[in-house]
C-alpha cells in the first residue's frame, strides 16, 4: 500500500530521444568543490552520460532514485550527472551524507529544467518550482538517445529500460 500521495503532473513539451540536449552552464558540484561548467564541455569529455533531473536534495524521490541507480549498476557503467534546484552547499551535503558517487549541477532558478521541459510548480505554490524526476541518456554528439520524464509525483523510471538504453551507448 502506498502511504504517500501520488499527484498527476500536467503534460509538458520535454526533450525527447533524437533531440539535441540543450547546453547550459551552472555550478557543477563534486565531493570537495564546485565550478561553473558547461554541459557541452562535460559531454565532450565524458560522453556517453546520464543526466538525471530530480527534486530538491533531501526529498524522498531524490534519495530513492540515486539509491536505485546504484542498485541497478548504472552509476558504475557511465557518468551520471544530477541537476536540481538545490544549492551547491546542499548538493555537497547530499553527496557526503548519501555516499552518492556523482556530480550535481545546481539550478536554483530552474533554467535547466525549463530548457529540458521538466519543471513544475511545487505543491501548487505560485512562482515556486522544482525539477521533475527525469533521465536523459546523452551520446558524444549531445544527442538524447533515451528520455524518460515523470508524469506523476512521485514516479520512477523503468530501470530495465534505462539499463537497456545504457547498453546501447556504452
N, C-alpha and C. Protein backbone atom coordinates (compact mmCIF):
# COMPACT_ATOMS: atom_id res chain seq x y z
N UNK A 1 0.84 -1.18 0.00
CA UNK A 1 0.00 0.00 0.00
C UNK A 1 0.88 1.24 0.00
N UNK A 2 0.54 2.20 -0.84
CA UNK A 2 1.26 3.46 -0.93
C UNK A 2 0.85 4.33 0.25
N UNK A 3 1.81 4.81 1.03
CA UNK A 3 1.46 5.65 2.17
C UNK A 3 1.88 7.10 1.94
N UNK A 4 1.86 7.53 0.67
CA UNK A 4 2.08 8.92 0.32
C UNK A 4 1.19 9.23 -0.87
N UNK A 5 0.90 10.49 -1.05
CA UNK A 5 0.00 10.91 -2.12
C UNK A 5 0.74 10.97 -3.45
N UNK A 6 0.11 10.40 -4.49
CA UNK A 6 0.64 10.47 -5.84
C UNK A 6 -0.14 11.55 -6.57
N UNK A 7 0.59 12.47 -7.19
CA UNK A 7 -0.03 13.60 -7.87
C UNK A 7 0.25 13.52 -9.36
N UNK A 8 -0.79 13.64 -10.18
CA UNK A 8 -0.58 13.72 -11.62
C UNK A 8 -0.01 15.08 -11.97
N UNK A 9 0.97 15.10 -12.84
CA UNK A 9 1.58 16.35 -13.28
C UNK A 9 1.04 16.71 -14.66
N UNK A 10 0.93 17.99 -14.96
CA UNK A 10 0.44 18.38 -16.29
C UNK A 10 1.41 17.93 -17.38
N UNK A 11 0.88 17.73 -18.58
CA UNK A 11 1.74 17.37 -19.71
C UNK A 11 2.75 18.48 -19.95
N UNK A 12 3.87 18.08 -20.51
CA UNK A 12 4.93 19.04 -20.78
C UNK A 12 5.59 18.72 -22.11
N UNK A 13 6.07 19.75 -22.77
CA UNK A 13 6.84 19.57 -24.01
C UNK A 13 8.30 19.45 -23.58
N UNK A 14 8.75 18.22 -23.36
CA UNK A 14 10.09 17.99 -22.87
C UNK A 14 11.00 17.45 -23.97
N UNK A 15 12.28 17.49 -23.70
CA UNK A 15 13.28 16.93 -24.60
C UNK A 15 13.01 15.44 -24.75
N UNK A 16 13.09 14.93 -25.97
CA UNK A 16 12.83 13.52 -26.23
C UNK A 16 14.01 12.89 -26.98
N UNK A 17 13.98 11.58 -27.09
CA UNK A 17 15.03 10.86 -27.82
C UNK A 17 15.12 11.41 -29.24
N UNK A 18 16.36 11.64 -29.69
CA UNK A 18 16.61 12.20 -31.01
C UNK A 18 16.87 13.70 -30.99
N UNK A 19 16.45 14.39 -29.91
CA UNK A 19 16.70 15.82 -29.77
C UNK A 19 18.15 16.07 -29.36
N UNK A 20 18.63 17.25 -29.69
CA UNK A 20 19.93 17.66 -29.15
C UNK A 20 19.71 18.12 -27.71
N UNK A 21 20.53 17.62 -26.81
CA UNK A 21 20.44 18.01 -25.40
C UNK A 21 20.81 19.48 -25.27
N UNK A 22 19.94 20.31 -24.68
CA UNK A 22 20.27 21.72 -24.52
C UNK A 22 21.55 21.91 -23.69
N UNK A 23 22.35 22.88 -24.09
CA UNK A 23 23.54 23.21 -23.35
C UNK A 23 23.18 24.22 -22.26
N UNK A 24 23.96 24.24 -21.21
CA UNK A 24 23.79 25.19 -20.12
C UNK A 24 25.10 25.25 -19.35
N UNK A 25 25.27 26.30 -18.59
CA UNK A 25 26.42 26.42 -17.69
C UNK A 25 25.88 26.74 -16.31
N UNK A 26 26.23 25.90 -15.36
CA UNK A 26 25.81 26.05 -13.96
C UNK A 26 26.94 25.53 -13.08
N UNK A 27 26.89 25.81 -11.78
CA UNK A 27 27.87 25.22 -10.87
C UNK A 27 27.72 23.69 -10.87
N UNK A 28 28.82 23.00 -11.11
CA UNK A 28 28.86 21.54 -11.07
C UNK A 28 29.59 21.15 -9.80
N UNK A 29 28.87 20.47 -8.91
CA UNK A 29 29.36 20.17 -7.57
C UNK A 29 29.90 18.75 -7.53
N UNK A 30 31.14 18.62 -7.08
CA UNK A 30 31.75 17.32 -6.83
C UNK A 30 31.87 17.13 -5.33
N UNK A 31 32.60 16.14 -4.91
CA UNK A 31 32.72 15.83 -3.50
C UNK A 31 33.35 16.92 -2.67
N UNK A 32 34.31 17.65 -3.24
CA UNK A 32 35.03 18.63 -2.43
C UNK A 32 34.89 20.07 -2.90
N UNK A 33 34.56 20.29 -4.16
CA UNK A 33 34.46 21.67 -4.65
C UNK A 33 33.46 21.73 -5.80
N UNK A 34 33.20 22.93 -6.25
CA UNK A 34 32.36 23.10 -7.43
C UNK A 34 32.95 24.19 -8.31
N UNK A 35 32.54 24.13 -9.58
CA UNK A 35 32.97 25.12 -10.56
C UNK A 35 31.89 25.27 -11.61
N UNK A 36 31.81 26.47 -12.20
CA UNK A 36 30.89 26.66 -13.31
C UNK A 36 31.38 25.80 -14.46
N UNK A 37 30.47 25.02 -15.03
CA UNK A 37 30.86 24.08 -16.09
C UNK A 37 29.72 23.95 -17.09
N UNK A 38 30.04 24.04 -18.36
CA UNK A 38 29.00 23.86 -19.38
C UNK A 38 28.73 22.37 -19.56
N UNK A 39 27.49 22.07 -19.87
CA UNK A 39 27.10 20.69 -20.12
C UNK A 39 27.78 20.18 -21.40
N UNK A 40 27.87 21.06 -22.42
CA UNK A 40 28.51 20.65 -23.68
C UNK A 40 29.96 20.23 -23.45
N UNK A 41 30.70 20.96 -22.62
CA UNK A 41 32.09 20.60 -22.34
C UNK A 41 32.16 19.27 -21.60
N UNK A 42 31.24 19.05 -20.69
CA UNK A 42 31.21 17.78 -19.96
C UNK A 42 30.93 16.62 -20.91
N UNK A 43 29.98 16.81 -21.80
CA UNK A 43 29.67 15.77 -22.79
C UNK A 43 30.88 15.51 -23.67
N UNK A 44 31.55 16.58 -24.13
CA UNK A 44 32.74 16.41 -24.97
C UNK A 44 33.80 15.55 -24.30
N UNK A 45 33.93 15.67 -22.99
CA UNK A 45 34.97 14.95 -22.26
C UNK A 45 34.56 13.57 -21.76
N UNK A 46 33.25 13.37 -21.51
CA UNK A 46 32.86 12.16 -20.78
C UNK A 46 31.74 11.34 -21.40
N UNK A 47 31.20 11.74 -22.54
CA UNK A 47 30.06 11.03 -23.12
C UNK A 47 30.42 9.60 -23.45
N UNK A 48 29.44 8.72 -23.44
CA UNK A 48 28.05 8.98 -23.11
C UNK A 48 27.87 9.17 -21.61
N UNK A 49 26.76 9.84 -21.26
CA UNK A 49 26.47 10.06 -19.85
C UNK A 49 24.96 10.11 -19.64
N UNK A 50 24.59 10.05 -18.39
CA UNK A 50 23.18 10.13 -17.99
C UNK A 50 22.98 11.43 -17.24
N UNK A 51 22.07 12.27 -17.72
CA UNK A 51 21.65 13.46 -17.00
C UNK A 51 20.37 13.10 -16.25
N UNK A 52 20.41 13.26 -14.95
CA UNK A 52 19.28 12.98 -14.08
C UNK A 52 18.80 14.28 -13.48
N UNK A 53 17.57 14.71 -13.79
CA UNK A 53 17.00 15.85 -13.09
C UNK A 53 16.13 15.28 -11.98
N UNK A 54 16.15 15.95 -10.84
CA UNK A 54 15.43 15.42 -9.69
C UNK A 54 14.95 16.55 -8.78
N UNK A 55 13.97 16.23 -7.92
CA UNK A 55 13.52 17.24 -6.95
C UNK A 55 14.66 17.64 -6.03
N UNK A 56 14.39 18.60 -5.19
CA UNK A 56 15.43 19.12 -4.29
C UNK A 56 16.07 18.02 -3.44
N UNK A 57 17.30 18.25 -3.08
CA UNK A 57 18.04 17.31 -2.24
C UNK A 57 17.29 17.11 -0.93
N UNK A 58 17.28 15.89 -0.45
CA UNK A 58 16.58 15.58 0.79
C UNK A 58 15.17 15.07 0.57
N UNK A 59 14.61 15.29 -0.61
CA UNK A 59 13.27 14.79 -0.91
C UNK A 59 13.33 13.28 -1.13
N UNK A 60 12.29 12.59 -0.71
CA UNK A 60 12.24 11.13 -0.85
C UNK A 60 12.57 10.66 -2.27
N UNK A 61 11.96 11.24 -3.33
CA UNK A 61 12.28 10.74 -4.67
C UNK A 61 13.75 10.86 -5.04
N UNK A 62 14.41 11.90 -4.57
CA UNK A 62 15.82 12.11 -4.88
C UNK A 62 16.67 11.01 -4.26
N UNK A 63 16.46 10.77 -2.98
CA UNK A 63 17.22 9.72 -2.29
C UNK A 63 16.95 8.36 -2.94
N UNK A 64 15.68 8.08 -3.23
CA UNK A 64 15.31 6.79 -3.78
C UNK A 64 15.95 6.56 -5.15
N UNK A 65 15.90 7.55 -6.03
CA UNK A 65 16.40 7.34 -7.39
C UNK A 65 17.92 7.18 -7.39
N UNK A 66 18.64 7.92 -6.56
CA UNK A 66 20.09 7.74 -6.51
C UNK A 66 20.43 6.35 -6.00
N UNK A 67 19.71 5.88 -4.99
CA UNK A 67 19.94 4.52 -4.49
C UNK A 67 19.64 3.48 -5.57
N UNK A 68 18.54 3.68 -6.29
CA UNK A 68 18.14 2.72 -7.33
C UNK A 68 19.14 2.69 -8.48
N UNK A 69 19.67 3.84 -8.88
CA UNK A 69 20.68 3.87 -9.94
C UNK A 69 21.92 3.09 -9.53
N UNK A 70 22.29 3.20 -8.26
CA UNK A 70 23.43 2.42 -7.76
C UNK A 70 23.08 0.94 -7.70
N UNK A 71 21.89 0.60 -7.21
CA UNK A 71 21.47 -0.80 -7.09
C UNK A 71 21.43 -1.49 -8.45
N UNK A 72 21.07 -0.75 -9.50
CA UNK A 72 20.99 -1.32 -10.85
C UNK A 72 22.34 -1.25 -11.58
N UNK A 73 23.37 -0.75 -10.93
CA UNK A 73 24.70 -0.71 -11.52
C UNK A 73 24.89 0.35 -12.59
N UNK A 74 23.92 1.24 -12.74
CA UNK A 74 24.01 2.25 -13.79
C UNK A 74 25.14 3.23 -13.51
N UNK A 75 25.31 3.62 -12.25
CA UNK A 75 26.37 4.58 -11.91
C UNK A 75 27.76 4.00 -12.12
N UNK A 76 27.86 2.68 -12.24
CA UNK A 76 29.16 2.04 -12.48
C UNK A 76 29.48 1.93 -13.97
N UNK A 77 28.51 2.21 -14.83
CA UNK A 77 28.69 1.95 -16.25
C UNK A 77 28.92 3.19 -17.09
N UNK A 78 28.46 4.33 -16.62
CA UNK A 78 28.70 5.59 -17.33
C UNK A 78 28.55 6.73 -16.33
N UNK A 79 29.11 7.91 -16.65
CA UNK A 79 28.95 9.03 -15.72
C UNK A 79 27.48 9.41 -15.57
N UNK A 80 27.07 9.65 -14.34
CA UNK A 80 25.72 10.13 -14.04
C UNK A 80 25.87 11.51 -13.42
N UNK A 81 25.18 12.48 -14.00
CA UNK A 81 25.24 13.86 -13.54
C UNK A 81 23.83 14.29 -13.16
N UNK A 82 23.67 14.76 -11.93
CA UNK A 82 22.37 15.21 -11.47
C UNK A 82 22.18 16.69 -11.66
N UNK A 83 20.91 17.12 -11.54
CA UNK A 83 20.59 18.54 -11.64
C UNK A 83 19.30 18.80 -10.88
N UNK A 84 19.33 19.77 -9.97
CA UNK A 84 18.12 20.15 -9.24
C UNK A 84 18.21 21.61 -8.81
N UNK A 85 17.17 22.07 -8.14
CA UNK A 85 17.12 23.45 -7.65
C UNK A 85 18.01 23.67 -6.43
N UNK A 86 18.52 22.61 -5.86
CA UNK A 86 19.32 22.74 -4.64
C UNK A 86 20.61 23.51 -4.88
N UNK A 87 21.08 24.15 -3.81
CA UNK A 87 22.30 24.95 -3.89
C UNK A 87 23.54 24.06 -3.89
N UNK A 88 24.68 24.62 -4.26
CA UNK A 88 25.91 23.83 -4.18
C UNK A 88 26.17 23.29 -2.77
N UNK A 89 25.84 24.04 -1.75
CA UNK A 89 26.05 23.57 -0.38
C UNK A 89 25.17 22.35 -0.08
N UNK A 90 23.91 22.41 -0.51
CA UNK A 90 23.01 21.26 -0.31
C UNK A 90 23.49 20.06 -1.11
N UNK A 91 23.96 20.30 -2.33
CA UNK A 91 24.49 19.19 -3.15
C UNK A 91 25.69 18.54 -2.47
N UNK A 92 26.58 19.35 -1.95
CA UNK A 92 27.76 18.80 -1.27
C UNK A 92 27.33 17.91 -0.11
N UNK A 93 26.30 18.34 0.64
CA UNK A 93 25.80 17.53 1.75
C UNK A 93 25.17 16.22 1.26
N UNK A 94 24.40 16.27 0.16
CA UNK A 94 23.80 15.06 -0.40
C UNK A 94 24.89 14.06 -0.79
N UNK A 95 25.91 14.54 -1.47
CA UNK A 95 26.99 13.66 -1.90
C UNK A 95 27.66 13.00 -0.69
N UNK A 96 27.92 13.78 0.34
CA UNK A 96 28.61 13.25 1.52
C UNK A 96 27.69 12.36 2.36
N UNK A 97 26.49 12.83 2.64
CA UNK A 97 25.58 12.09 3.54
C UNK A 97 25.07 10.80 2.94
N UNK A 98 24.83 10.79 1.64
CA UNK A 98 24.24 9.62 0.99
C UNK A 98 25.26 8.77 0.27
N UNK A 99 26.50 9.21 0.21
CA UNK A 99 27.52 8.44 -0.47
C UNK A 99 27.29 8.35 -1.97
N UNK A 100 26.68 9.39 -2.54
CA UNK A 100 26.40 9.41 -3.97
C UNK A 100 27.71 9.66 -4.72
N UNK A 101 28.02 8.77 -5.67
CA UNK A 101 29.23 8.90 -6.46
C UNK A 101 28.87 9.54 -7.80
N UNK A 102 28.71 10.85 -7.77
CA UNK A 102 28.30 11.57 -8.97
C UNK A 102 28.63 13.04 -8.76
N UNK A 103 28.31 13.83 -9.76
CA UNK A 103 28.39 15.28 -9.65
C UNK A 103 27.01 15.84 -9.92
N UNK A 104 26.73 17.01 -9.36
CA UNK A 104 25.40 17.58 -9.41
C UNK A 104 25.45 19.04 -9.86
N UNK A 105 24.65 19.37 -10.87
CA UNK A 105 24.50 20.76 -11.26
C UNK A 105 23.50 21.44 -10.34
N UNK A 106 23.82 22.67 -9.94
CA UNK A 106 22.92 23.48 -9.12
C UNK A 106 22.16 24.42 -10.05
N UNK A 107 20.83 24.36 -9.99
CA UNK A 107 19.97 25.13 -10.90
C UNK A 107 18.83 25.79 -10.11
N UNK A 108 19.17 26.66 -9.12
CA UNK A 108 18.13 27.23 -8.26
C UNK A 108 17.05 28.02 -8.98
N UNK A 109 17.39 28.68 -10.08
CA UNK A 109 16.40 29.46 -10.81
C UNK A 109 15.58 28.61 -11.78
N UNK A 110 15.98 27.35 -11.98
CA UNK A 110 15.20 26.43 -12.80
C UNK A 110 15.37 26.59 -14.30
N UNK A 111 16.39 27.29 -14.75
CA UNK A 111 16.57 27.48 -16.19
C UNK A 111 16.85 26.19 -16.94
N UNK A 112 17.61 25.28 -16.33
CA UNK A 112 17.89 23.99 -16.97
C UNK A 112 16.59 23.20 -17.07
N UNK A 113 15.83 23.18 -15.99
CA UNK A 113 14.55 22.46 -16.00
C UNK A 113 13.62 23.01 -17.10
N UNK A 114 13.60 24.31 -17.26
CA UNK A 114 12.77 24.90 -18.31
C UNK A 114 13.26 24.48 -19.69
N UNK A 115 14.58 24.52 -19.91
CA UNK A 115 15.14 24.15 -21.21
C UNK A 115 14.84 22.70 -21.57
N UNK A 116 14.82 21.83 -20.57
CA UNK A 116 14.54 20.41 -20.79
C UNK A 116 13.05 20.08 -20.69
N UNK A 117 12.24 21.03 -20.29
CA UNK A 117 10.79 20.81 -20.18
C UNK A 117 10.41 19.95 -19.00
N UNK A 118 11.15 20.07 -17.89
CA UNK A 118 10.91 19.19 -16.75
C UNK A 118 10.61 19.97 -15.46
N UNK A 119 10.08 21.15 -15.58
CA UNK A 119 9.76 21.94 -14.40
C UNK A 119 8.28 21.82 -14.07
N UNK A 120 7.97 21.97 -12.81
CA UNK A 120 6.58 22.04 -12.39
C UNK A 120 6.47 22.84 -11.10
N UNK A 121 5.28 23.43 -10.88
CA UNK A 121 5.06 24.19 -9.65
C UNK A 121 5.13 23.26 -8.46
N UNK A 122 5.79 23.70 -7.44
CA UNK A 122 5.95 22.92 -6.22
C UNK A 122 4.72 23.07 -5.35
N UNK A 123 4.02 21.97 -5.17
CA UNK A 123 2.83 21.93 -4.31
C UNK A 123 1.86 23.06 -4.61
N UNK A 124 1.76 23.47 -5.87
CA UNK A 124 0.80 24.48 -6.27
C UNK A 124 1.14 25.89 -5.82
N UNK A 125 2.36 26.15 -5.39
CA UNK A 125 2.76 27.48 -4.95
C UNK A 125 3.20 28.31 -6.15
N UNK A 126 2.55 29.44 -6.34
CA UNK A 126 2.86 30.30 -7.48
C UNK A 126 4.31 30.77 -7.40
N UNK A 127 5.03 30.62 -8.50
CA UNK A 127 6.39 31.10 -8.59
C UNK A 127 7.43 30.22 -7.93
N UNK A 128 7.02 29.09 -7.36
CA UNK A 128 7.97 28.17 -6.74
C UNK A 128 7.91 26.86 -7.51
N UNK A 129 9.03 26.50 -8.12
CA UNK A 129 9.03 25.29 -8.93
C UNK A 129 10.24 24.44 -8.60
N UNK A 130 10.19 23.20 -9.06
CA UNK A 130 11.31 22.30 -8.92
C UNK A 130 11.39 21.43 -10.17
N UNK A 131 12.41 20.62 -10.25
CA UNK A 131 12.62 19.73 -11.39
C UNK A 131 11.79 18.46 -11.21
N UNK A 132 11.18 18.01 -12.29
CA UNK A 132 10.58 16.68 -12.29
C UNK A 132 11.70 15.66 -12.32
N UNK A 133 11.41 14.49 -11.83
CA UNK A 133 12.35 13.39 -11.98
C UNK A 133 12.37 13.01 -13.46
N UNK A 134 13.57 13.00 -14.06
CA UNK A 134 13.71 12.68 -15.48
C UNK A 134 15.10 12.14 -15.73
N UNK A 135 15.22 11.27 -16.74
CA UNK A 135 16.51 10.72 -17.15
C UNK A 135 16.71 10.96 -18.63
N UNK A 136 17.94 11.37 -18.98
CA UNK A 136 18.31 11.60 -20.37
C UNK A 136 19.67 10.95 -20.61
N UNK A 137 19.71 9.92 -21.45
CA UNK A 137 20.98 9.31 -21.85
C UNK A 137 21.45 10.11 -23.06
N UNK A 138 22.66 10.67 -22.94
CA UNK A 138 23.19 11.60 -23.95
C UNK A 138 24.47 11.01 -24.54
N UNK A 139 24.55 11.00 -25.89
CA UNK A 139 25.75 10.44 -26.55
C UNK A 139 26.79 11.52 -26.79
N UNK A 140 27.89 11.14 -27.46
CA UNK A 140 29.02 12.04 -27.66
C UNK A 140 28.70 13.22 -28.58
N UNK A 141 27.61 13.14 -29.35
CA UNK A 141 27.20 14.25 -30.19
C UNK A 141 26.15 15.12 -29.51
N UNK A 142 25.93 14.89 -28.24
CA UNK A 142 24.93 15.57 -27.41
C UNK A 142 23.51 15.28 -27.89
N UNK A 143 23.34 14.12 -28.51
CA UNK A 143 22.01 13.68 -28.93
C UNK A 143 21.43 12.82 -27.80
N UNK A 144 20.18 13.10 -27.47
CA UNK A 144 19.49 12.31 -26.44
C UNK A 144 19.11 10.98 -27.06
N UNK A 145 19.61 9.91 -26.49
CA UNK A 145 19.34 8.57 -27.01
C UNK A 145 18.18 7.90 -26.29
N UNK A 146 17.88 8.36 -25.08
CA UNK A 146 16.77 7.82 -24.29
C UNK A 146 16.31 8.93 -23.36
N UNK A 147 14.99 9.11 -23.26
CA UNK A 147 14.44 10.12 -22.36
C UNK A 147 13.25 9.54 -21.63
N UNK A 148 13.18 9.81 -20.36
CA UNK A 148 12.02 9.47 -19.54
C UNK A 148 11.76 10.65 -18.62
N UNK A 149 10.50 11.11 -18.57
CA UNK A 149 10.11 12.23 -17.73
C UNK A 149 8.88 11.82 -16.93
N UNK A 150 8.93 12.05 -15.64
CA UNK A 150 7.81 11.67 -14.76
C UNK A 150 6.53 12.41 -15.14
N UNK A 151 5.44 11.66 -15.16
CA UNK A 151 4.12 12.26 -15.38
C UNK A 151 3.33 12.32 -14.08
N UNK A 152 3.91 11.78 -13.03
CA UNK A 152 3.34 11.83 -11.69
C UNK A 152 4.44 12.16 -10.69
N UNK A 153 4.01 12.63 -9.54
CA UNK A 153 4.96 12.91 -8.46
C UNK A 153 4.51 12.14 -7.24
N UNK A 154 5.23 11.20 -6.70
CA UNK A 154 6.47 10.68 -7.24
C UNK A 154 6.21 9.61 -8.29
N UNK A 155 7.17 9.43 -9.15
CA UNK A 155 7.21 8.36 -10.14
C UNK A 155 8.68 8.08 -10.40
N UNK A 156 8.97 6.87 -10.83
CA UNK A 156 10.36 6.48 -11.02
C UNK A 156 10.53 5.82 -12.37
N UNK A 157 11.73 5.97 -12.96
CA UNK A 157 11.94 5.40 -14.28
C UNK A 157 11.87 3.88 -14.26
N UNK A 158 11.64 3.33 -15.43
CA UNK A 158 11.72 1.89 -15.63
C UNK A 158 13.22 1.58 -15.74
N UNK A 159 13.78 1.04 -14.67
CA UNK A 159 15.22 0.85 -14.61
C UNK A 159 15.72 -0.17 -15.63
N UNK A 160 14.89 -1.14 -16.01
CA UNK A 160 15.29 -2.09 -17.04
C UNK A 160 15.40 -1.40 -18.39
N UNK A 161 14.45 -0.53 -18.71
CA UNK A 161 14.51 0.23 -19.96
C UNK A 161 15.70 1.18 -19.95
N UNK A 162 15.97 1.80 -18.82
CA UNK A 162 17.11 2.68 -18.71
C UNK A 162 18.42 1.90 -18.87
N UNK A 163 18.49 0.74 -18.27
CA UNK A 163 19.68 -0.12 -18.41
C UNK A 163 19.87 -0.52 -19.87
N UNK A 164 18.78 -0.86 -20.57
CA UNK A 164 18.88 -1.21 -21.98
C UNK A 164 19.40 -0.03 -22.81
N UNK A 165 18.95 1.19 -22.46
CA UNK A 165 19.43 2.38 -23.18
C UNK A 165 20.91 2.60 -22.92
N UNK A 166 21.33 2.36 -21.69
CA UNK A 166 22.76 2.47 -21.36
C UNK A 166 23.55 1.44 -22.16
N UNK A 167 23.02 0.20 -22.25
CA UNK A 167 23.69 -0.85 -23.02
C UNK A 167 23.95 -0.43 -24.44
N UNK A 168 23.04 0.36 -25.03
CA UNK A 168 23.19 0.77 -26.42
C UNK A 168 24.29 1.79 -26.64
N UNK A 169 24.68 2.52 -25.59
CA UNK A 169 25.65 3.59 -25.78
C UNK A 169 27.03 3.32 -25.18
N UNK A 170 27.13 2.30 -24.31
CA UNK A 170 28.44 2.03 -23.71
C UNK A 170 29.11 0.84 -24.37
